[in-house]
PDB file of N, CA and C in Angstrom:
ATOM      1  N   MET A   1      26.721 -17.284  19.130  1.00  0.00           N
ATOM      2  CA  MET A   1      26.061 -16.323  18.256  1.00  0.00           C
ATOM      3  C   MET A   1      26.743 -14.966  18.393  1.00  0.00           C
ATOM      4  N   GLU A   2      26.964 -14.346  17.258  1.00  0.00           N
ATOM      5  CA  GLU A   2      27.585 -13.027  17.248  1.00  0.00           C
ATOM      6  C   GLU A   2      26.583 -11.985  17.740  1.00  0.00           C
ATOM      7  N   ASN A   3      27.049 -11.079  18.599  1.00  0.00           N
ATOM      8  CA  ASN A   3      26.179 -10.002  19.072  1.00  0.00           C
ATOM      9  C   ASN A   3      26.151  -8.886  18.042  1.00  0.00           C
ATOM     10  N   PHE A   4      24.949  -8.533  17.601  1.00  0.00           N
ATOM     11  CA  PHE A   4      24.762  -7.436  16.671  1.00  0.00           C
ATOM     12  C   PHE A   4      24.259  -6.229  17.444  1.00  0.00           C
ATOM     13  N   THR A   5      24.466  -5.065  16.887  1.00  0.00           N
ATOM     14  CA  THR A   5      23.960  -3.860  17.531  1.00  0.00           C
ATOM     15  C   THR A   5      22.521  -3.628  17.117  1.00  0.00           C
ATOM     16  N   LEU A   6      21.701  -3.370  18.116  1.00  0.00           N
ATOM     17  CA  LEU A   6      20.291  -3.053  17.942  1.00  0.00           C
ATOM     18  C   LEU A   6      20.066  -1.687  18.574  1.00  0.00           C
ATOM     19  N   VAL A   7      19.477  -0.776  17.835  1.00  0.00           N
ATOM     20  CA  VAL A   7      19.114   0.533  18.375  1.00  0.00           C
ATOM     21  C   VAL A   7      17.638   0.492  18.722  1.00  0.00           C
ATOM     22  N   PHE A   8      17.334   0.806  19.978  1.00  0.00           N
ATOM     23  CA  PHE A   8      15.950   0.831  20.455  1.00  0.00           C
ATOM     24  C   PHE A   8      15.551   2.274  20.720  1.00  0.00           C
ATOM     25  N   VAL A   9      14.380   2.673  20.198  1.00  0.00           N
ATOM     26  CA  VAL A   9      13.903   4.049  20.360  1.00  0.00           C
ATOM     27  C   VAL A   9      12.479   4.030  20.889  1.00  0.00           C
ATOM     28  N   ASP A  10      12.293   4.648  22.052  1.00  0.00           N
ATOM     29  CA  ASP A  10      10.969   4.799  22.655  1.00  0.00           C
ATOM     30  C   ASP A  10      11.042   5.981  23.610  1.00  0.00           C
ATOM     31  N   ASP A  11      10.037   6.834  23.594  1.00  0.00           N
ATOM     32  CA  ASP A  11      10.062   8.002  24.475  1.00  0.00           C
ATOM     33  C   ASP A  11       9.880   7.622  25.944  1.00  0.00           C
ATOM     34  N   ASN A  12       9.573   6.369  26.216  1.00  0.00           N
ATOM     35  CA  ASN A  12       9.462   5.867  27.586  1.00  0.00           C
ATOM     36  C   ASN A  12      10.853   5.394  28.029  1.00  0.00           C
ATOM     37  N   VAL A  13      11.528   6.201  28.838  1.00  0.00           N
ATOM     38  CA  VAL A  13      12.901   5.908  29.264  1.00  0.00           C
ATOM     39  C   VAL A  13      12.986   4.587  30.021  1.00  0.00           C
ATOM     40  N   GLU A  14      11.993   4.320  30.871  1.00  0.00           N
ATOM     41  CA  GLU A  14      11.999   3.077  31.651  1.00  0.00           C
ATOM     42  C   GLU A  14      11.933   1.849  30.738  1.00  0.00           C
ATOM     43  N   LEU A  15      11.148   1.957  29.674  1.00  0.00           N
ATOM     44  CA  LEU A  15      11.063   0.842  28.725  1.00  0.00           C
ATOM     45  C   LEU A  15      12.416   0.634  28.040  1.00  0.00           C
ATOM     46  N   GLY A  16      13.100   1.716  27.734  1.00  0.00           N
ATOM     47  CA  GLY A  16      14.432   1.612  27.137  1.00  0.00           C
ATOM     48  C   GLY A  16      15.393   0.865  28.044  1.00  0.00           C
ATOM     49  N   THR A  17      15.344   1.178  29.328  1.00  0.00           N
ATOM     50  CA  THR A  17      16.197   0.496  30.304  1.00  0.00           C
ATOM     51  C   THR A  17      15.844  -0.992  30.379  1.00  0.00           C
ATOM     52  N   MET A  18      14.560  -1.292  30.396  1.00  0.00           N
ATOM     53  CA  MET A  18      14.114  -2.680  30.445  1.00  0.00           C
ATOM     54  C   MET A  18      14.561  -3.444  29.199  1.00  0.00           C
ATOM     55  N   MET A  19      14.439  -2.815  28.041  1.00  0.00           N
ATOM     56  CA  MET A  19      14.829  -3.472  26.792  1.00  0.00           C
ATOM     57  C   MET A  19      16.333  -3.745  26.770  1.00  0.00           C
ATOM     58  N   GLU A  20      17.119  -2.806  27.268  1.00  0.00           N
ATOM     59  CA  GLU A  20      18.566  -3.025  27.326  1.00  0.00           C
ATOM     60  C   GLU A  20      18.868  -4.271  28.149  1.00  0.00           C
ATOM     61  N   MET A  21      18.192  -4.413  29.280  1.00  0.00           N
ATOM     62  CA  MET A  21      18.433  -5.570  30.145  1.00  0.00           C
ATOM     63  C   MET A  21      17.964  -6.864  29.478  1.00  0.00           C
ATOM     64  N   GLN A  22      16.765  -6.847  28.880  1.00  0.00           N
ATOM     65  CA  GLN A  22      16.208  -8.066  28.295  1.00  0.00           C
ATOM     66  C   GLN A  22      16.967  -8.532  27.055  1.00  0.00           C
ATOM     67  N   LEU A  23      17.456  -7.594  26.275  1.00  0.00           N
ATOM     68  CA  LEU A  23      18.041  -7.958  24.985  1.00  0.00           C
ATOM     69  C   LEU A  23      19.562  -8.044  25.003  1.00  0.00           C
ATOM     70  N   SER A  24      20.194  -7.636  26.107  1.00  0.00           N
ATOM     71  CA  SER A  24      21.662  -7.526  26.124  1.00  0.00           C
ATOM     72  C   SER A  24      22.385  -8.866  26.003  1.00  0.00           C
ATOM     73  N   SER A  25      21.709  -9.962  26.284  1.00  0.00           N
ATOM     74  CA  SER A  25      22.378 -11.265  26.123  1.00  0.00           C
ATOM     75  C   SER A  25      22.458 -11.675  24.654  1.00  0.00           C
ATOM     76  N   THR A  26      21.639 -11.050  23.814  1.00  0.00           N
ATOM     77  CA  THR A  26      21.593 -11.401  22.399  1.00  0.00           C
ATOM     78  C   THR A  26      22.135 -10.301  21.497  1.00  0.00           C
ATOM     79  N   PHE A  27      21.921  -9.048  21.891  1.00  0.00           N
ATOM     80  CA  PHE A  27      22.314  -7.906  21.077  1.00  0.00           C
ATOM     81  C   PHE A  27      23.128  -6.915  21.899  1.00  0.00           C
ATOM     82  N   ASN A  28      23.940  -6.127  21.215  1.00  0.00           N
ATOM     83  CA  ASN A  28      24.507  -4.931  21.827  1.00  0.00           C
ATOM     84  C   ASN A  28      23.426  -3.870  21.670  1.00  0.00           C
ATOM     85  N   VAL A  29      22.782  -3.479  22.757  1.00  0.00           N
ATOM     86  CA  VAL A  29      21.627  -2.586  22.692  1.00  0.00           C
ATOM     87  C   VAL A  29      22.044  -1.162  23.039  1.00  0.00           C
ATOM     88  N   VAL A  30      21.638  -0.240  22.178  1.00  0.00           N
ATOM     89  CA  VAL A  30      21.814   1.184  22.436  1.00  0.00           C
ATOM     90  C   VAL A  30      20.418   1.776  22.384  1.00  0.00           C
ATOM     91  N   SER A  31      19.973   2.389  23.493  1.00  0.00           N
ATOM     92  CA  SER A  31      18.603   2.894  23.506  1.00  0.00           C
ATOM     93  C   SER A  31      18.579   4.420  23.575  1.00  0.00           C
ATOM     94  N   PHE A  32      17.531   4.960  22.988  1.00  0.00           N
ATOM     95  CA  PHE A  32      17.310   6.406  22.943  1.00  0.00           C
ATOM     96  C   PHE A  32      15.856   6.704  23.251  1.00  0.00           C
ATOM     97  N   SER A  33      15.618   7.815  23.947  1.00  0.00           N
ATOM     98  CA  SER A  33      14.251   8.259  24.199  1.00  0.00           C
ATOM     99  C   SER A  33      13.854   9.373  23.232  1.00  0.00           C
ATOM    100  N   GLU A  34      14.815   9.851  22.439  1.00  0.00           N
ATOM    101  CA  GLU A  34      14.537  10.905  21.462  1.00  0.00           C
ATOM    102  C   GLU A  34      14.936  10.414  20.068  1.00  0.00           C
ATOM    103  N   PRO A  35      13.984  10.349  19.150  1.00  0.00           N
ATOM    104  CA  PRO A  35      14.273   9.833  17.809  1.00  0.00           C
ATOM    105  C   PRO A  35      15.399  10.570  17.086  1.00  0.00           C
ATOM    106  N   GLN A  36      15.488  11.874  17.239  1.00  0.00           N
ATOM    107  CA  GLN A  36      16.532  12.622  16.525  1.00  0.00           C
ATOM    108  C   GLN A  36      17.924  12.222  17.019  1.00  0.00           C
ATOM    109  N   LYS A  37      18.064  11.993  18.319  1.00  0.00           N
ATOM    110  CA  LYS A  37      19.356  11.542  18.847  1.00  0.00           C
ATOM    111  C   LYS A  37      19.690  10.147  18.314  1.00  0.00           C
ATOM    112  N   ALA A  38      18.688   9.306  18.210  1.00  0.00           N
ATOM    113  CA  ALA A  38      18.896   7.972  17.639  1.00  0.00           C
ATOM    114  C   ALA A  38      19.340   8.081  16.183  1.00  0.00           C
ATOM    115  N   LEU A  39      18.686   8.955  15.432  1.00  0.00           N
ATOM    116  CA  LEU A  39      19.041   9.146  14.028  1.00  0.00           C
ATOM    117  C   LEU A  39      20.475   9.648  13.893  1.00  0.00           C
ATOM    118  N   ASN A  40      20.875  10.584  14.749  1.00  0.00           N
ATOM    119  CA  ASN A  40      22.251  11.077  14.724  1.00  0.00           C
ATOM    120  C   ASN A  40      23.235   9.939  14.977  1.00  0.00           C
ATOM    121  N   TYR A  41      22.929   9.096  15.963  1.00  0.00           N
ATOM    122  CA  TYR A  41      23.790   7.953  16.286  1.00  0.00           C
ATOM    123  C   TYR A  41      23.865   6.989  15.094  1.00  0.00           C
ATOM    124  N   ILE A  42      22.727   6.717  14.478  1.00  0.00           N
ATOM    125  CA  ILE A  42      22.685   5.806  13.340  1.00  0.00           C
ATOM    126  C   ILE A  42      23.491   6.362  12.170  1.00  0.00           C
ATOM    127  N   GLU A  43      23.389   7.663  11.934  1.00  0.00           N
ATOM    128  CA  GLU A  43      24.166   8.276  10.850  1.00  0.00           C
ATOM    129  C   GLU A  43      25.665   8.104  11.086  1.00  0.00           C
ATOM    130  N   GLU A  44      26.094   8.199  12.337  1.00  0.00           N
ATOM    131  CA  GLU A  44      27.518   8.089  12.674  1.00  0.00           C
ATOM    132  C   GLU A  44      27.999   6.643  12.721  1.00  0.00           C
ATOM    133  N   ASN A  45      27.086   5.705  12.888  1.00  0.00           N
ATOM    134  CA  ASN A  45      27.458   4.290  13.067  1.00  0.00           C
ATOM    135  C   ASN A  45      26.718   3.365  12.106  1.00  0.00           C
ATOM    136  N   ARG A  46      26.357   3.864  10.960  1.00  0.00           N
ATOM    137  CA  ARG A  46      25.452   3.158  10.044  1.00  0.00           C
ATOM    138  C   ARG A  46      25.879   1.744   9.697  1.00  0.00           C
ATOM    139  N   ASP A  47      27.159   1.488   9.628  1.00  0.00           N
ATOM    140  CA  ASP A  47      27.612   0.155   9.222  1.00  0.00           C
ATOM    141  C   ASP A  47      27.694  -0.834  10.383  1.00  0.00           C
ATOM    142  N   ASP A  48      27.542  -0.341  11.608  1.00  0.00           N
ATOM    143  CA  ASP A  48      27.672  -1.193  12.789  1.00  0.00           C
ATOM    144  C   ASP A  48      26.337  -1.647  13.360  1.00  0.00           C
ATOM    145  N   ILE A  49      25.240  -1.159  12.817  1.00  0.00           N
ATOM    146  CA  ILE A  49      23.913  -1.423  13.381  1.00  0.00           C
ATOM    147  C   ILE A  49      23.156  -2.378  12.468  1.00  0.00           C
ATOM    148  N   LYS A  50      22.612  -3.430  13.059  1.00  0.00           N
ATOM    149  CA  LYS A  50      21.852  -4.407  12.265  1.00  0.00           C
ATOM    150  C   LYS A  50      20.352  -4.111  12.305  1.00  0.00           C
ATOM    151  N   ILE A  51      19.834  -3.718  13.491  1.00  0.00           N
ATOM    152  CA  ILE A  51      18.385  -3.588  13.650  1.00  0.00           C
ATOM    153  C   ILE A  51      18.032  -2.269  14.326  1.00  0.00           C
ATOM    154  N   LEU A  52      17.019  -1.615  13.798  1.00  0.00           N
ATOM    155  CA  LEU A  52      16.372  -0.487  14.468  1.00  0.00           C
ATOM    156  C   LEU A  52      15.025  -0.999  14.953  1.00  0.00           C
ATOM    157  N   LEU A  53      14.808  -0.911  16.250  1.00  0.00           N
ATOM    158  CA  LEU A  53      13.536  -1.296  16.879  1.00  0.00           C
ATOM    159  C   LEU A  53      12.961  -0.026  17.472  1.00  0.00           C
ATOM    160  N   THR A  54      11.831   0.439  16.937  1.00  0.00           N
ATOM    161  CA  THR A  54      11.299   1.725  17.360  1.00  0.00           C
ATOM    162  C   THR A  54       9.819   1.666  17.705  1.00  0.00           C
ATOM    163  N   ASP A  55       9.469   2.462  18.681  1.00  0.00           N
ATOM    164  CA  ASP A  55       8.065   2.676  19.006  1.00  0.00           C
ATOM    165  C   ASP A  55       7.445   3.448  17.844  1.00  0.00           C
ATOM    166  N   PHE A  56       6.142   3.369  17.695  1.00  0.00           N
ATOM    167  CA  PHE A  56       5.502   4.163  16.662  1.00  0.00           C
ATOM    168  C   PHE A  56       5.170   5.561  17.165  1.00  0.00           C
ATOM    169  N   LEU A  57       4.459   5.649  18.260  1.00  0.00           N
ATOM    170  CA  LEU A  57       3.898   6.922  18.709  1.00  0.00           C
ATOM    171  C   LEU A  57       4.857   7.612  19.679  1.00  0.00           C
ATOM    172  N   MET A  58       5.541   8.654  19.164  1.00  0.00           N
ATOM    173  CA  MET A  58       6.461   9.453  19.981  1.00  0.00           C
ATOM    174  C   MET A  58       6.227  10.907  19.644  1.00  0.00           C
ATOM    175  N   PRO A  59       6.460  11.812  20.608  1.00  0.00           N
ATOM    176  CA  PRO A  59       6.118  13.218  20.385  1.00  0.00           C
ATOM    177  C   PRO A  59       6.958  13.934  19.327  1.00  0.00           C
ATOM    178  N   GLU A  60       8.247  13.667  19.272  1.00  0.00           N
ATOM    179  CA  GLU A  60       9.125  14.419  18.393  1.00  0.00           C
ATOM    180  C   GLU A  60       9.039  13.979  16.932  1.00  0.00           C
ATOM    181  N   MET A  61       8.993  12.673  16.731  1.00  0.00           N
ATOM    182  CA  MET A  61       8.993  12.085  15.394  1.00  0.00           C
ATOM    183  C   MET A  61       8.410  10.684  15.551  1.00  0.00           C
ATOM    184  N   ASN A  62       7.453  10.305  14.710  1.00  0.00           N
ATOM    185  CA  ASN A  62       6.901   8.955  14.881  1.00  0.00           C
ATOM    186  C   ASN A  62       7.843   7.913  14.280  1.00  0.00           C
ATOM    187  N   GLY A  63       7.577   6.662  14.612  1.00  0.00           N
ATOM    188  CA  GLY A  63       8.461   5.580  14.191  1.00  0.00           C
ATOM    189  C   GLY A  63       8.560   5.416  12.690  1.00  0.00           C
ATOM    190  N   VAL A  64       7.478   5.648  11.966  1.00  0.00           N
ATOM    191  CA  VAL A  64       7.505   5.521  10.508  1.00  0.00           C
ATOM    192  C   VAL A  64       8.425   6.583   9.909  1.00  0.00           C
ATOM    193  N   ASP A  65       8.326   7.817  10.402  1.00  0.00           N
ATOM    194  CA  ASP A  65       9.204   8.873   9.893  1.00  0.00           C
ATOM    195  C   ASP A  65      10.669   8.587  10.231  1.00  0.00           C
ATOM    196  N   LEU A  66      10.908   8.045  11.420  1.00  0.00           N
ATOM    197  CA  LEU A  66      12.272   7.666  11.792  1.00  0.00           C
ATOM    198  C   LEU A  66      12.800   6.588  10.852  1.00  0.00           C
ATOM    199  N   ILE A  67      11.992   5.584  10.572  1.00  0.00           N
ATOM    200  CA  ILE A  67      12.423   4.519   9.662  1.00  0.00           C
ATOM    201  C   ILE A  67      12.709   5.078   8.273  1.00  0.00           C
ATOM    202  N   ARG A  68      11.868   5.970   7.796  1.00  0.00           N
ATOM    203  CA  ARG A  68      12.118   6.583   6.474  1.00  0.00           C
ATOM    204  C   ARG A  68      13.474   7.287   6.461  1.00  0.00           C
ATOM    205  N   ALA A  69      13.779   8.031   7.526  1.00  0.00           N
ATOM    206  CA  ALA A  69      15.054   8.740   7.607  1.00  0.00           C
ATOM    207  C   ALA A  69      16.218   7.757   7.688  1.00  0.00           C
ATOM    208  N   VAL A  70      16.052   6.692   8.451  1.00  0.00           N
ATOM    209  CA  VAL A  70      17.109   5.681   8.596  1.00  0.00           C
ATOM    210  C   VAL A  70      17.355   4.974   7.268  1.00  0.00           C
ATOM    211  N   LYS A  71      16.308   4.680   6.527  1.00  0.00           N
ATOM    212  CA  LYS A  71      16.456   3.992   5.240  1.00  0.00           C
ATOM    213  C   LYS A  71      17.216   4.847   4.230  1.00  0.00           C
ATOM    214  N   ARG A  72      17.152   6.174   4.378  1.00  0.00           N
ATOM    215  CA  ARG A  72      17.958   7.054   3.516  1.00  0.00           C
ATOM    216  C   ARG A  72      19.438   6.941   3.879  1.00  0.00           C
ATOM    217  N   VAL A  73      19.727   6.684   5.150  1.00  0.00           N
ATOM    218  CA  VAL A  73      21.102   6.549   5.630  1.00  0.00           C
ATOM    219  C   VAL A  73      21.644   5.151   5.315  1.00  0.00           C
ATOM    220  N   ASN A  74      20.836   4.132   5.580  1.00  0.00           N
ATOM    221  CA  ASN A  74      21.239   2.747   5.349  1.00  0.00           C
ATOM    222  C   ASN A  74      20.016   1.948   4.903  1.00  0.00           C
ATOM    223  N   PRO A  75      19.817   1.814   3.595  1.00  0.00           N
ATOM    224  CA  PRO A  75      18.623   1.134   3.084  1.00  0.00           C
ATOM    225  C   PRO A  75      18.542  -0.342   3.452  1.00  0.00           C
ATOM    226  N   HIS A  76      19.651  -0.931   3.920  1.00  0.00           N
ATOM    227  CA  HIS A  76      19.670  -2.355   4.235  1.00  0.00           C
ATOM    228  C   HIS A  76      19.441  -2.652   5.717  1.00  0.00           C
ATOM    229  N   MET A  77      19.337  -1.616   6.547  1.00  0.00           N
ATOM    230  CA  MET A  77      19.134  -1.843   7.975  1.00  0.00           C
ATOM    231  C   MET A  77      17.768  -2.492   8.197  1.00  0.00           C
ATOM    232  N   LEU A  78      17.736  -3.496   9.054  1.00  0.00           N
ATOM    233  CA  LEU A  78      16.478  -4.139   9.412  1.00  0.00           C
ATOM    234  C   LEU A  78      15.721  -3.213  10.353  1.00  0.00           C
ATOM    235  N   THR A  79      14.431  -3.050  10.112  1.00  0.00           N
ATOM    236  CA  THR A  79      13.643  -2.120  10.916  1.00  0.00           C
ATOM    237  C   THR A  79      12.376  -2.793  11.427  1.00  0.00           C
ATOM    238  N   VAL A  80      12.082  -2.521  12.703  1.00  0.00           N
ATOM    239  CA  VAL A  80      10.928  -3.125  13.365  1.00  0.00           C
ATOM    240  C   VAL A  80      10.192  -2.035  14.126  1.00  0.00           C
ATOM    241  N   ILE A  81       8.878  -1.989  13.962  1.00  0.00           N
ATOM    242  CA  ILE A  81       8.040  -1.087  14.759  1.00  0.00           C
ATOM    243  C   ILE A  81       7.419  -1.902  15.872  1.00  0.00           C
ATOM    244  N   LEU A  82       7.513  -1.378  17.073  1.00  0.00           N
ATOM    245  CA  LEU A  82       6.913  -1.971  18.261  1.00  0.00           C
ATOM    246  C   LEU A  82       5.799  -1.028  18.688  1.00  0.00           C
ATOM    247  N   THR A  83       4.567  -1.524  18.708  1.00  0.00           N
ATOM    248  CA  THR A  83       3.448  -0.621  18.959  1.00  0.00           C
ATOM    249  C   THR A  83       2.339  -1.289  19.765  1.00  0.00           C
ATOM    250  N   GLY A  84       1.577  -0.483  20.424  1.00  0.00           N
ATOM    251  CA  GLY A  84       0.380  -0.950  21.109  1.00  0.00           C
ATOM    252  C   GLY A  84      -0.851  -0.762  20.241  1.00  0.00           C
ATOM    253  N   TYR A  85      -0.648  -0.301  19.012  1.00  0.00           N
ATOM    254  CA  TYR A  85      -1.757   0.017  18.108  1.00  0.00           C
ATOM    255  C   TYR A  85      -1.681  -0.837  16.849  1.00  0.00           C
ATOM    256  N   MET A  86      -1.652  -2.157  17.002  1.00  0.00           N
ATOM    257  CA  MET A  86      -1.467  -3.058  15.866  1.00  0.00           C
ATOM    258  C   MET A  86      -2.510  -2.882  14.768  1.00  0.00           C
ATOM    259  N   ASN A  87      -3.713  -2.520  15.117  1.00  0.00           N
ATOM    260  CA  ASN A  87      -4.757  -2.390  14.089  1.00  0.00           C
ATOM    261  C   ASN A  87      -4.419  -1.327  13.058  1.00  0.00           C
ATOM    262  N   ASP A  88      -3.582  -0.362  13.439  1.00  0.00           N
ATOM    263  CA  ASP A  88      -3.195   0.699  12.512  1.00  0.00           C
ATOM    264  C   ASP A  88      -2.111   0.252  11.536  1.00  0.00           C
ATOM    265  N   PHE A  89      -1.554  -0.942  11.730  1.00  0.00           N
ATOM    266  CA  PHE A  89      -0.370  -1.338  10.971  1.00  0.00           C
ATOM    267  C   PHE A  89      -0.544  -2.607  10.163  1.00  0.00           C
ATOM    268  N   ASN A  90      -1.772  -3.010   9.919  1.00  0.00           N
ATOM    269  CA  ASN A  90      -1.985  -4.266   9.206  1.00  0.00           C
ATOM    270  C   ASN A  90      -1.299  -4.311   7.851  1.00  0.00           C
ATOM    271  N   GLU A  91      -1.175  -3.169   7.167  1.00  0.00           N
ATOM    272  CA  GLU A  91      -0.586  -3.174   5.830  1.00  0.00           C
ATOM    273  C   GLU A  91       0.797  -2.544   5.790  1.00  0.00           C
ATOM    274  N   LEU A  92       1.305  -2.076   6.919  1.00  0.00           N
ATOM    275  CA  LEU A  92       2.568  -1.350   6.910  1.00  0.00           C
ATOM    276  C   LEU A  92       3.725  -2.198   6.406  1.00  0.00           C
ATOM    277  N   ASP A  93       3.825  -3.440   6.858  1.00  0.00           N
ATOM    278  CA  ASP A  93       4.965  -4.239   6.414  1.00  0.00           C
ATOM    279  C   ASP A  93       4.837  -4.647   4.952  1.00  0.00           C
ATOM    280  N   ASN A  94       3.662  -4.483   4.358  1.00  0.00           N
ATOM    281  CA  ASN A  94       3.516  -4.728   2.928  1.00  0.00           C
ATOM    282  C   ASN A  94       4.053  -3.572   2.093  1.00  0.00           C
ATOM    283  N   LEU A  95       4.307  -2.442   2.714  1.00  0.00           N
ATOM    284  CA  LEU A  95       4.822  -1.281   1.996  1.00  0.00           C
ATOM    285  C   LEU A  95       6.324  -1.380   1.771  1.00  0.00           C
ATOM    286  N   GLY A  96       6.970  -2.362   2.372  1.00  0.00           N
ATOM    287  CA  GLY A  96       8.409  -2.487   2.239  1.00  0.00           C
ATOM    288  C   GLY A  96       9.169  -1.511   3.109  1.00  0.00           C
ATOM    289  N   LEU A  97       8.465  -0.822   3.970  1.00  0.00           N
ATOM    290  CA  LEU A  97       9.108   0.179   4.815  1.00  0.00           C
ATOM    291  C   LEU A  97       9.815  -0.460   5.994  1.00  0.00           C
ATOM    292  N   CYS A  98       9.179  -1.457   6.596  1.00  0.00           N
ATOM    293  CA  CYS A  98       9.820  -2.101   7.739  1.00  0.00           C
ATOM    294  C   CYS A  98       9.745  -3.613   7.577  1.00  0.00           C
ATOM    295  N   ASN A  99      10.627  -4.290   8.292  1.00  0.00           N
ATOM    296  CA  ASN A  99      10.710  -5.740   8.177  1.00  0.00           C
ATOM    297  C   ASN A  99       9.670  -6.459   9.024  1.00  0.00           C
ATOM    298  N   MET A 100       9.234  -5.789  10.107  1.00  0.00           N
ATOM    299  CA  MET A 100       8.301  -6.447  11.013  1.00  0.00           C
ATOM    300  C   MET A 100       7.585  -5.394  11.853  1.00  0.00           C
ATOM    301  N   VAL A 101       6.343  -5.677  12.189  1.00  0.00           N
ATOM    302  CA  VAL A 101       5.582  -4.869  13.136  1.00  0.00           C
ATOM    303  C   VAL A 101       5.185  -5.800  14.273  1.00  0.00           C
ATOM    304  N   LEU A 102       5.555  -5.426  15.494  1.00  0.00           N
ATOM    305  CA  LEU A 102       5.255  -6.259  16.654  1.00  0.00           C
ATOM    306  C   LEU A 102       4.404  -5.500  17.654  1.00  0.00           C
ATOM    307  N   ASP A 103       3.496  -6.211  18.283  1.00  0.00           N
ATOM    308  CA  ASP A 103       2.658  -5.630  19.325  1.00  0.00           C
ATOM    309  C   ASP A 103       3.441  -5.603  20.639  1.00  0.00           C
ATOM    310  N   LYS A 104       3.287  -4.526  21.383  1.00  0.00           N
ATOM    311  CA  LYS A 104       4.003  -4.399  22.658  1.00  0.00           C
ATOM    312  C   LYS A 104       3.617  -5.494  23.647  1.00  0.00           C
ATOM    313  N   SER A 105       2.510  -6.164  23.432  1.00  0.00           N
ATOM    314  CA  SER A 105       2.133  -7.264  24.323  1.00  0.00           C
ATOM    315  C   SER A 105       3.170  -8.384  24.269  1.00  0.00           C
ATOM    316  N   MET A 106       3.957  -8.444  23.199  1.00  0.00           N
ATOM    317  CA  MET A 106       5.010  -9.470  23.084  1.00  0.00           C
ATOM    318  C   MET A 106       6.086  -9.295  24.151  1.00  0.00           C
ATOM    319  N   LEU A 107       6.188  -8.109  24.709  1.00  0.00           N
ATOM    320  CA  LEU A 107       7.221  -7.845  25.719  1.00  0.00           C
ATOM    321  C   LEU A 107       7.004  -8.679  26.974  1.00  0.00           C
ATOM    322  N   SER A 108       5.793  -9.194  27.170  1.00  0.00           N
ATOM    323  CA  SER A 108       5.522 -10.022  28.342  1.00  0.00           C
ATOM    324  C   SER A 108       6.175 -11.409  28.231  1.00  0.00           C
ATOM    325  N   ASP A 109       6.630 -11.760  27.027  1.00  0.00           N
ATOM    326  CA  ASP A 109       7.329 -13.030  26.809  1.00  0.00           C
ATOM    327  C   ASP A 109       8.677 -12.729  26.150  1.00  0.00           C
ATOM    328  N   PRO A 110       9.679 -12.363  26.960  1.00  0.00           N
ATOM    329  CA  PRO A 110      10.971 -11.942  26.399  1.00  0.00           C
ATOM    330  C   PRO A 110      11.618 -12.963  25.471  1.00  0.00           C
ATOM    331  N   GLU A 111      11.494 -14.233  25.772  1.00  0.00           N
ATOM    332  CA  GLU A 111      12.116 -15.252  24.916  1.00  0.00           C
ATOM    333  C   GLU A 111      11.495 -15.263  23.524  1.00  0.00           C
ATOM    334  N   ALA A 112      10.175 -15.210  23.449  1.00  0.00           N
ATOM    335  CA  ALA A 112       9.497 -15.189  22.150  1.00  0.00           C
ATOM    336  C   ALA A 112       9.812 -13.899  21.395  1.00  0.00           C
ATOM    337  N   PHE A 113       9.912 -12.804  22.130  1.00  0.00           N
ATOM    338  CA  PHE A 113      10.237 -11.513  21.526  1.00  0.00           C
ATOM    339  C   PHE A 113      11.630 -11.565  20.901  1.00  0.00           C
ATOM    340  N   ILE A 114      12.600 -12.082  21.642  1.00  0.00           N
ATOM    341  CA  ILE A 114      13.970 -12.195  21.129  1.00  0.00           C
ATOM    342  C   ILE A 114      14.020 -13.126  19.927  1.00  0.00           C
ATOM    343  N   GLU A 115      13.280 -14.224  19.980  1.00  0.00           N
ATOM    344  CA  GLU A 115      13.227 -15.157  18.844  1.00  0.00           C
ATOM    345  C   GLU A 115      12.735 -14.460  17.573  1.00  0.00           C
ATOM    346  N   LYS A 116      11.725 -13.607  17.726  1.00  0.00           N
ATOM    347  CA  LYS A 116      11.208 -12.845  16.577  1.00  0.00           C
ATOM    348  C   LYS A 116      12.293 -11.966  15.984  1.00  0.00           C
ATOM    349  N   LEU A 117      13.021 -11.254  16.849  1.00  0.00           N
ATOM    350  CA  LEU A 117      14.073 -10.356  16.360  1.00  0.00           C
ATOM    351  C   LEU A 117      15.218 -11.120  15.713  1.00  0.00           C
ATOM    352  N   VAL A 118      15.595 -12.233  16.294  1.00  0.00           N
ATOM    353  CA  VAL A 118      16.694 -13.036  15.753  1.00  0.00           C
ATOM    354  C   VAL A 118      16.314 -13.629  14.408  1.00  0.00           C
ATOM    355  N   SER A 119      15.016 -13.861  14.191  1.00  0.00           N
ATOM    356  CA  SER A 119      14.554 -14.474  12.940  1.00  0.00           C
ATOM    357  C   SER A 119      14.632 -13.526  11.735  1.00  0.00           C
ATOM    358  N   LEU A 120      14.897 -12.262  11.975  1.00  0.00           N
ATOM    359  CA  LEU A 120      14.929 -11.297  10.870  1.00  0.00           C
ATOM    360  C   LEU A 120      16.008 -11.617   9.853  1.00  0.00           C
TER     361      LEU A 120
END
């Protein structure tokens, strides 16, 4: 399987490190704790990135706003929100804004989590 680049954004630095380790066998993972830095990276590498995986609730910019900005840069990039607040997102993927919304509880089963991302 070809390794694709996945950008992971979460203000929790430790989670970013964990995600890099868990996903590195399947994806080339680049993680950021600041959404604006992630957006800058995506703007510079827009054609090399397949998936944006972002937390929803972050202090600088929330995940939905980040996805909106990314879609202006690359409307074809696959986007996934990872959140602990699934009840707030029941209709979000129906808006066409993101490809998938996943609950952070999925992180307890890395294989199932990776399968979800690969299925995009």
